[in-house]
Amino acid sequence: MKTQSTIRKLLTGLIGASAAMMATTASAALPQGWSDTLPAWTATASSCSTDENTAGKYEFAGAQFRFLGSNVSNASTGSLIPVYQPITVRCNVAPVHDYVPATTTPAPDPGGIAITTPADWVSANWNAMIVSYKDPDGMGTGAQFTATLKKINRTTFAESTVASFNSNTKAVLTASQDVKTFSQVIDFSKFEYYVEINLVRTSAAVATPVAYSVRLTNGSVAVVPQ
């Protein structure tokens, strides 16, 4: 007869395996067993603001941001290896906070005073940027999708990169999603944040790359009990 502890472990394993299978089925190119939690921030590419270099070359279609018709990136001249100017949208990251309930720490000695920490709101504990995109030539250089999470110091206005994703490091040719994790702590009390999305298309013979959406969340890969 199985003990309650053994049965609980079996049920936990089955639930974990089922969750991992569901996450994998729904997560396309995300790591197997990946799952993430709320609160999160998300933006469709078509809801973001275009850069001046993008005028006349792009179109929005539903959630999509992509090259319009046969438009391509401008190429720099005067160098052996041309540098292609992307079309760009930037997505403002609205502050998101977690509620931390009040806690009470018992007094260490009899007759002592318990310490109570009042409830508070803290910046969301994000560690991942999830991107939805299509790069029609995968690791080729004819098309490219990049997404970069940046922060701006409120005091100095200096900008720096938190995380960056480049589709040319992936061999996927169809619409997909992927994740870039990061270790920097999100702090809306000191920084502003935005995501910059760039598309490059070097020739009209290559289908347009597409940006669909970007998401900031806290996630991890589930460990299924063996």
C-alpha atoms as a PDB file:
ATOM      1  CA  MET A   1       0.000   0.000   0.000  1.00  0.00           C
ATOM      2  CA  LYS A   2       1.420   3.327  -1.046  1.00  0.00           C
ATOM      3  CA  THR A   3       1.847   5.969   1.617  1.00  0.00           C
ATOM      4  CA  GLN A   4       0.276   9.415   1.250  1.00  0.00           C
ATOM      5  CA  SER A   5       3.763  10.844   0.674  1.00  0.00           C
ATOM      6  CA  THR A   6       4.412   8.464  -2.239  1.00  0.00           C
ATOM      7  CA  ILE A   7       1.016   9.172  -3.800  1.00  0.00           C
ATOM      8  CA  ARG A   8       1.607  12.919  -3.438  1.00  0.00           C
ATOM      9  CA  LYS A   9       4.957  12.585  -5.240  1.00  0.00           C
ATOM     10  CA  LEU A  10       3.343  10.597  -8.062  1.00  0.00           C
ATOM     11  CA  LEU A  11       0.581  13.165  -8.489  1.00  0.00           C
ATOM     12  CA  THR A  12       3.098  16.003  -8.429  1.00  0.00           C
ATOM     13  CA  GLY A  13       5.138  14.271 -11.110  1.00  0.00           C
ATOM     14  CA  LEU A  14       2.099  13.713 -13.318  1.00  0.00           C
ATOM     15  CA  ILE A  15       0.943  17.311 -12.934  1.00  0.00           C
ATOM     16  CA  GLY A  16       4.450  18.597 -13.649  1.00  0.00           C
ATOM     17  CA  ALA A  17       4.797  16.428 -16.742  1.00  0.00           C
ATOM     18  CA  SER A  18       1.374  17.505 -17.992  1.00  0.00           C
ATOM     19  CA  ALA A  19       2.210  21.190 -17.449  1.00  0.00           C
ATOM     20  CA  ALA A  20       5.502  20.772 -19.272  1.00  0.00           C
ATOM     21  CA  MET A  21       3.746  19.107 -22.235  1.00  0.00           C
ATOM     22  CA  MET A  22       1.124  21.882 -22.386  1.00  0.00           C
ATOM     23  CA  ALA A  23       3.789  24.591 -22.194  1.00  0.00           C
ATOM     24  CA  THR A  24       5.809  22.919 -24.943  1.00  0.00           C
ATOM     25  CA  THR A  25       2.773  22.505 -27.198  1.00  0.00           C
ATOM     26  CA  ALA A  26       1.782  26.146 -26.801  1.00  0.00           C
ATOM     27  CA  SER A  27       5.256  27.616 -26.765  1.00  0.00           C
ATOM     28  CA  ALA A  28       6.596  26.901 -30.288  1.00  0.00           C
ATOM     29  CA  ALA A  29      10.375  27.448 -30.170  1.00  0.00           C
ATOM     30  CA  LEU A  30      10.540  28.190 -26.436  1.00  0.00           C
ATOM     31  CA  PRO A  31      12.639  25.724 -24.407  1.00  0.00           C
ATOM     32  CA  GLN A  32      10.887  22.451 -23.615  1.00  0.00           C
ATOM     33  CA  GLY A  33       9.013  22.769 -20.332  1.00  0.00           C
ATOM     34  CA  TRP A  34       9.165  26.564 -20.322  1.00  0.00           C
ATOM     35  CA  SER A  35       6.471  28.378 -18.332  1.00  0.00           C
ATOM     36  CA  ASP A  36       6.078  31.945 -17.118  1.00  0.00           C
ATOM     37  CA  THR A  37       3.938  33.830 -14.653  1.00  0.00           C
ATOM     38  CA  LEU A  38       1.960  37.012 -14.147  1.00  0.00           C
ATOM     39  CA  PRO A  39       2.240  39.917 -13.744  1.00  0.00           C
ATOM     40  CA  ALA A  40       3.809  40.473 -17.159  1.00  0.00           C
ATOM     41  CA  TRP A  41       4.086  43.231 -19.745  1.00  0.00           C
ATOM     42  CA  THR A  42       3.342  42.676 -23.421  1.00  0.00           C
ATOM     43  CA  ALA A  43       3.067  44.742 -26.602  1.00  0.00           C
ATOM     44  CA  THR A  44       2.140  43.931 -30.171  1.00  0.00           C
ATOM     45  CA  ALA A  45       4.668  45.286 -32.663  1.00  0.00           C
ATOM     46  CA  SER A  46       1.984  47.333 -34.421  1.00  0.00           C
ATOM     47  CA  SER A  47       1.224  49.235 -31.186  1.00  0.00           C
ATOM     48  CA  CYS A  48       4.765  50.616 -30.950  1.00  0.00           C
ATOM     49  CA  SER A  49       6.182  53.890 -32.337  1.00  0.00           C
ATOM     50  CA  THR A  50       8.099  53.958 -35.607  1.00  0.00           C
ATOM     51  CA  ASP A  51      11.477  55.635 -36.101  1.00  0.00           C
ATOM     52  CA  GLU A  52      12.146  58.319 -38.725  1.00  0.00           C
ATOM     53  CA  ASN A  53      14.234  55.869 -40.776  1.00  0.00           C
ATOM     54  CA  THR A  54      11.117  53.741 -41.206  1.00  0.00           C
ATOM     55  CA  ALA A  55       8.835  56.239 -42.975  1.00  0.00           C
ATOM     56  CA  GLY A  56       7.380  54.920 -46.222  1.00  0.00           C
ATOM     57  CA  LYS A  57       9.023  51.492 -45.893  1.00  0.00           C
ATOM     58  CA  TYR A  58       6.813  49.677 -43.412  1.00  0.00           C
ATOM     59  CA  GLU A  59       3.280  48.514 -42.841  1.00  0.00           C
ATOM     60  CA  PHE A  60       1.206  47.351 -39.893  1.00  0.00           C
ATOM     61  CA  ALA A  61      -1.055  44.349 -40.461  1.00  0.00           C
ATOM     62  CA  GLY A  62      -2.945  43.316 -37.359  1.00  0.00           C
ATOM     63  CA  ALA A  63      -0.211  42.803 -34.760  1.00  0.00           C
ATOM     64  CA  GLN A  64       2.518  42.679 -37.406  1.00  0.00           C
ATOM     65  CA  PHE A  65       5.268  45.161 -38.217  1.00  0.00           C
ATOM     66  CA  ARG A  66       7.012  44.392 -41.534  1.00  0.00           C
ATOM     67  CA  PHE A  67       8.436  45.819 -44.754  1.00  0.00           C
ATOM     68  CA  LEU A  68       5.877  47.232 -47.168  1.00  0.00           C
ATOM     69  CA  GLY A  69       5.814  45.580 -50.594  1.00  0.00           C
ATOM     70  CA  SER A  70       9.256  45.445 -52.234  1.00  0.00           C
ATOM     71  CA  ASN A  71      10.898  47.948 -49.883  1.00  0.00           C
ATOM     72  CA  VAL A  72      14.349  47.023 -48.572  1.00  0.00           C
ATOM     73  CA  SER A  73      16.937  48.411 -46.173  1.00  0.00           C
ATOM     74  CA  ASN A  74      19.237  51.178 -47.371  1.00  0.00           C
ATOM     75  CA  ALA A  75      22.845  50.032 -47.686  1.00  0.00           C
ATOM     76  CA  SER A  76      25.811  52.175 -46.680  1.00  0.00           C
ATOM     77  CA  THR A  77      28.347  52.993 -49.382  1.00  0.00           C
ATOM     78  CA  GLY A  78      32.117  53.326 -49.306  1.00  0.00           C
ATOM     79  CA  SER A  79      32.855  50.113 -47.411  1.00  0.00           C
ATOM     80  CA  LEU A  80      33.696  46.582 -48.527  1.00  0.00           C
ATOM     81  CA  ILE A  81      30.965  45.112 -46.319  1.00  0.00           C
ATOM     82  CA  PRO A  82      27.713  47.093 -46.602  1.00  0.00           C
ATOM     83  CA  VAL A  83      25.827  48.030 -43.458  1.00  0.00           C
ATOM     84  CA  TYR A  84      22.052  47.895 -43.870  1.00  0.00           C
ATOM     85  CA  GLN A  85      19.791  50.402 -42.148  1.00  0.00           C
ATOM     86  CA  PRO A  86      16.861  48.690 -40.414  1.00  0.00           C
ATOM     87  CA  ILE A  87      13.277  49.792 -40.058  1.00  0.00           C
ATOM     88  CA  THR A  88      12.524  50.344 -36.380  1.00  0.00           C
ATOM     89  CA  VAL A  89       9.758  50.455 -33.792  1.00  0.00           C
ATOM     90  CA  ARG A  90      10.197  51.198 -30.095  1.00  0.00           C
ATOM     91  CA  CYS A  91       7.809  49.916 -27.447  1.00  0.00           C
ATOM     92  CA  ASN A  92       7.515  51.770 -24.137  1.00  0.00           C
ATOM     93  CA  VAL A  93       7.501  49.427 -21.136  1.00  0.00           C
ATOM     94  CA  ALA A  94       4.819  50.626 -18.720  1.00  0.00           C
ATOM     95  CA  PRO A  95       5.707  50.127 -15.033  1.00  0.00           C
ATOM     96  CA  VAL A  96       4.346  46.908 -13.542  1.00  0.00           C
ATOM     97  CA  HIS A  97       4.521  46.142  -9.836  1.00  0.00           C
ATOM     98  CA  ASP A  98       4.063  43.132  -7.548  1.00  0.00           C
ATOM     99  CA  TYR A  99       2.139  43.402  -4.269  1.00  0.00           C
ATOM    100  CA  VAL A 100       4.119  42.165  -1.271  1.00  0.00           C
ATOM    101  CA  PRO A 101       1.868  41.456   1.728  1.00  0.00           C
ATOM    102  CA  ALA A 102       2.827  42.443   5.247  1.00  0.00           C
ATOM    103  CA  THR A 103       4.903  39.927   7.202  1.00  0.00           C
ATOM    104  CA  THR A 104       5.594  39.473  10.900  1.00  0.00           C
ATOM    105  CA  THR A 105       8.828  38.007  12.259  1.00  0.00           C
ATOM    106  CA  PRO A 106       8.412  36.530  15.768  1.00  0.00           C
ATOM    107  CA  ALA A 107      10.578  37.901  18.539  1.00  0.00           C
ATOM    108  CA  PRO A 108      13.810  35.912  18.943  1.00  0.00           C
ATOM    109  CA  ASP A 109      13.442  35.809  22.747  1.00  0.00           C
ATOM    110  CA  PRO A 110      10.427  35.370  25.063  1.00  0.00           C
ATOM    111  CA  GLY A 111       9.005  38.745  25.953  1.00  0.00           C
ATOM    112  CA  GLY A 112      10.669  40.379  22.950  1.00  0.00           C
ATOM    113  CA  ILE A 113       8.992  42.478  20.303  1.00  0.00           C
ATOM    114  CA  ALA A 114       7.896  40.958  17.007  1.00  0.00           C
ATOM    115  CA  ILE A 115       8.988  42.820  13.887  1.00  0.00           C
ATOM    116  CA  THR A 116       6.317  43.629  11.315  1.00  0.00           C
ATOM    117  CA  THR A 117       7.174  44.600   7.751  1.00  0.00           C
ATOM    118  CA  PRO A 118       4.324  46.584   6.186  1.00  0.00           C
ATOM    119  CA  ALA A 119       2.808  45.663   2.829  1.00  0.00           C
ATOM    120  CA  ASP A 120       4.498  47.244  -0.179  1.00  0.00           C
ATOM    121  CA  TRP A 121       4.661  47.356  -3.961  1.00  0.00           C
ATOM    122  CA  VAL A 122       7.885  46.380  -5.747  1.00  0.00           C
ATOM    123  CA  SER A 123       8.930  46.304  -9.409  1.00  0.00           C
ATOM    124  CA  ALA A 124       7.918  43.134 -11.202  1.00  0.00           C
ATOM    125  CA  ASN A 125      10.504  40.383 -10.824  1.00  0.00           C
ATOM    126  CA  TRP A 126      11.085  39.783 -14.553  1.00  0.00           C
ATOM    127  CA  ASN A 127      13.939  37.692 -15.886  1.00  0.00           C
ATOM    128  CA  ALA A 128      12.953  37.011 -19.501  1.00  0.00           C
ATOM    129  CA  MET A 129      12.100  38.745 -22.784  1.00  0.00           C
ATOM    130  CA  ILE A 130       9.930  36.638 -25.090  1.00  0.00           C
ATOM    131  CA  VAL A 131       9.799  37.641 -28.761  1.00  0.00           C
ATOM    132  CA  SER A 132       7.396  36.542 -31.512  1.00  0.00           C
ATOM    133  CA  TYR A 133       8.822  36.986 -35.017  1.00  0.00           C
ATOM    134  CA  LYS A 134       9.542  35.501 -38.445  1.00  0.00           C
ATOM    135  CA  ASP A 135      12.923  35.460 -40.175  1.00  0.00           C
ATOM    136  CA  PRO A 136      12.312  33.894 -43.625  1.00  0.00           C
ATOM    137  CA  ASP A 137      15.971  32.981 -44.245  1.00  0.00           C
ATOM    138  CA  GLY A 138      16.877  31.878 -40.720  1.00  0.00           C
ATOM    139  CA  MET A 139      20.607  32.206 -40.173  1.00  0.00           C
ATOM    140  CA  GLY A 140      21.077  33.834 -43.581  1.00  0.00           C
ATOM    141  CA  THR A 141      21.857  37.541 -43.815  1.00  0.00           C
ATOM    142  CA  GLY A 142      19.090  38.491 -46.250  1.00  0.00           C
ATOM    143  CA  ALA A 143      16.587  39.096 -43.446  1.00  0.00           C
ATOM    144  CA  GLN A 144      16.969  39.797 -39.748  1.00  0.00           C
ATOM    145  CA  PHE A 145      14.860  40.499 -36.662  1.00  0.00           C
ATOM    146  CA  THR A 146      16.410  41.933 -33.505  1.00  0.00           C
ATOM    147  CA  ALA A 147      14.832  43.019 -30.230  1.00  0.00           C
ATOM    148  CA  THR A 148      16.691  44.864 -27.479  1.00  0.00           C
ATOM    149  CA  LEU A 149      15.437  45.698 -23.999  1.00  0.00           C
ATOM    150  CA  LYS A 150      17.002  48.979 -22.894  1.00  0.00           C
ATOM    151  CA  LYS A 151      16.908  51.042 -19.710  1.00  0.00           C
ATOM    152  CA  ILE A 152      17.380  54.778 -19.140  1.00  0.00           C
ATOM    153  CA  ASN A 153      18.830  56.081 -15.890  1.00  0.00           C
ATOM    154  CA  ARG A 154      16.449  58.714 -14.498  1.00  0.00           C
ATOM    155  CA  THR A 155      19.319  60.731 -13.007  1.00  0.00           C
ATOM    156  CA  THR A 156      21.976  60.666 -15.742  1.00  0.00           C
ATOM    157  CA  PHE A 157      19.716  59.759 -18.742  1.00  0.00           C
ATOM    158  CA  ALA A 158      22.365  57.256 -19.805  1.00  0.00           C
ATOM    159  CA  GLU A 159      21.038  54.258 -21.760  1.00  0.00           C
ATOM    160  CA  SER A 160      22.225  50.674 -21.483  1.00  0.00           C
ATOM    161  CA  THR A 161      21.161  47.236 -22.711  1.00  0.00           C
ATOM    162  CA  VAL A 162      19.443  44.696 -20.464  1.00  0.00           C
ATOM    163  CA  ALA A 163      18.879  41.919 -23.029  1.00  0.00           C
ATOM    164  CA  SER A 164      19.098  41.458 -26.786  1.00  0.00           C
ATOM    165  CA  PHE A 165      17.823  38.821 -29.259  1.00  0.00           C
ATOM    166  CA  ASN A 166      19.070  38.256 -32.837  1.00  0.00           C
ATOM    167  CA  SER A 167      17.135  35.972 -35.202  1.00  0.00           C
ATOM    168  CA  ASN A 168      20.232  35.304 -37.317  1.00  0.00           C
ATOM    169  CA  THR A 169      21.503  33.029 -34.568  1.00  0.00           C
ATOM    170  CA  LYS A 170      18.509  30.714 -35.151  1.00  0.00           C
ATOM    171  CA  ALA A 171      17.772  28.326 -38.019  1.00  0.00           C
ATOM    172  CA  VAL A 172      13.972  28.695 -37.729  1.00  0.00           C
ATOM    173  CA  LEU A 173      12.333  29.873 -40.998  1.00  0.00           C
ATOM    174  CA  THR A 174       8.681  30.112 -39.944  1.00  0.00           C
ATOM    175  CA  ALA A 175       6.769  32.324 -37.511  1.00  0.00           C
ATOM    176  CA  SER A 176       8.053  31.443 -34.064  1.00  0.00           C
ATOM    177  CA  GLN A 177       8.793  32.691 -30.584  1.00  0.00           C
ATOM    178  CA  ASP A 178      11.915  32.550 -28.485  1.00  0.00           C
ATOM    179  CA  VAL A 179      13.148  33.725 -25.108  1.00  0.00           C
ATOM    180  CA  LYS A 180      16.147  35.697 -23.935  1.00  0.00           C
ATOM    181  CA  THR A 181      16.724  35.548 -20.192  1.00  0.00           C
ATOM    182  CA  PHE A 182      18.590  38.200 -18.200  1.00  0.00           C
ATOM    183  CA  SER A 183      19.878  38.686 -14.669  1.00  0.00           C
ATOM    184  CA  GLN A 184      19.584  42.453 -14.228  1.00  0.00           C
ATOM    185  CA  VAL A 185      16.978  43.444 -11.639  1.00  0.00           C
ATOM    186  CA  ILE A 186      14.101  45.537 -13.008  1.00  0.00           C
ATOM    187  CA  ASP A 187      13.721  48.736 -10.976  1.00  0.00           C
ATOM    188  CA  PHE A 188      11.094  51.223 -12.100  1.00  0.00           C
ATOM    189  CA  SER A 189      12.026  53.559  -9.235  1.00  0.00           C
ATOM    190  CA  LYS A 190      15.388  54.316 -10.906  1.00  0.00           C
ATOM    191  CA  PHE A 191      14.986  53.471 -14.596  1.00  0.00           C
ATOM    192  CA  GLU A 192      12.658  53.793 -17.570  1.00  0.00           C
ATOM    193  CA  TYR A 193      12.509  50.861 -19.999  1.00  0.00           C
ATOM    194  CA  TYR A 194      11.701  50.267 -23.660  1.00  0.00           C
ATOM    195  CA  VAL A 195      12.145  47.563 -26.283  1.00  0.00           C
ATOM    196  CA  GLU A 196      13.626  48.452 -29.683  1.00  0.00           C
ATOM    197  CA  ILE A 197      12.704  46.162 -32.584  1.00  0.00           C
ATOM    198  CA  ASN A 198      14.712  46.301 -35.820  1.00  0.00           C
ATOM    199  CA  LEU A 199      14.021  44.562 -39.148  1.00  0.00           C
ATOM    200  CA  VAL A 200      16.564  44.249 -41.964  1.00  0.00           C
ATOM    201  CA  ARG A 201      15.820  43.125 -45.523  1.00  0.00           C
ATOM    202  CA  THR A 202      18.720  43.299 -47.938  1.00  0.00           C
ATOM    203  CA  SER A 203      16.874  42.363 -51.144  1.00  0.00           C
ATOM    204  CA  ALA A 204      13.318  42.262 -52.460  1.00  0.00           C
ATOM    205  CA  ALA A 205      14.070  38.653 -53.477  1.00  0.00           C
ATOM    206  CA  VAL A 206      13.913  37.780 -49.767  1.00  0.00           C
ATOM    207  CA  ALA A 207      10.530  37.724 -48.057  1.00  0.00           C
ATOM    208  CA  THR A 208      10.037  40.389 -45.420  1.00  0.00           C
ATOM    209  CA  PRO A 209      10.938  39.587 -41.817  1.00  0.00           C
ATOM    210  CA  VAL A 210       8.046  40.160 -39.406  1.00  0.00           C
ATOM    211  CA  ALA A 211       7.750  41.316 -35.795  1.00  0.00           C
ATOM    212  CA  TYR A 212       4.621  40.180 -33.962  1.00  0.00           C
ATOM    213  CA  SER A 213       5.016  40.918 -30.266  1.00  0.00           C
ATOM    214  CA  VAL A 214       7.325  41.172 -27.270  1.00  0.00           C
ATOM    215  CA  ARG A 215       6.701  40.121 -23.663  1.00  0.00           C
ATOM    216  CA  LEU A 216       8.535  40.657 -20.373  1.00  0.00           C
ATOM    217  CA  THR A 217       7.850  38.082 -17.677  1.00  0.00           C
ATOM    218  CA  ASN A 218       9.349  35.841 -15.031  1.00  0.00           C
ATOM    219  CA  GLY A 219       9.863  32.332 -16.338  1.00  0.00           C
ATOM    220  CA  SER A 220      11.815  29.122 -16.068  1.00  0.00           C
ATOM    221  CA  VAL A 221      12.028  25.600 -17.412  1.00  0.00           C
ATOM    222  CA  ALA A 222      10.047  23.119 -15.336  1.00  0.00           C
ATOM    223  CA  VAL A 223      11.966  20.284 -13.702  1.00  0.00           C
ATOM    224  CA  VAL A 224       9.906  17.088 -13.994  1.00  0.00           C
ATOM    225  CA  PRO A 225      10.473  14.623 -11.119  1.00  0.00           C
ATOM    226  CA  GLN A 226      12.097  11.379 -12.268  1.00  0.00           C
END
